[in-house]
């Protein structure tokens, strides 16, 4: 059974939870910058672009020219206000008019699915509270289904990086984490909390 996290009216007041609050601002937002890498899996940006600058240039003492060059520059990443990363999970992308593609498809088919995903608006997210299996639905009729790799796993299936510095993670055992991204951020967070059933 999938739990739909599109809440309205009195239902939203009664059932609103951390997951629903985190996902609600994403509805209607454009997805872009989708990427697939075999070792990192699938990721994409959601919402307006923002620039993330990591590191301060500095000189270090080492014989390695590559390491000195790496420390002498800033790393700049352009991501959406939100960034979703499908981590340790199987995924399947389906388009109502074209095809079904998964992480085990050919690289050509995956590249086509990644291109198709970019430019669509997220309309709905459904989560199975027992397994964390999630369906992301889009305005052009496509869907991205994410599920756990094995039955006995607590791996993070997907991770959502939010603009406020918090990270929402859904695990394969029906739990979620909602914590600050930085280990030095002292704001409160929750870990391994059960996904609520509606």
Foldseek 3Di string as FASTA:
>chain_A
DWAWLPDDDPRCVVDPDPVSVQCVVQFQWFWAPWDADLQQGIKIATADKDKDKDADADADDDPDPVVRVVSRDIDIDIGHQKMKGQGQWKKWKDAPPDDIDISPDDPVVVVVSRVVRGGWGWHIWIADQQFRWIWTATDNRMIMTIGHPDQPWFDFRMWMQHNVQWIWTGGRRRFIKIGGNDPVDPDDIDPRHGDDDD
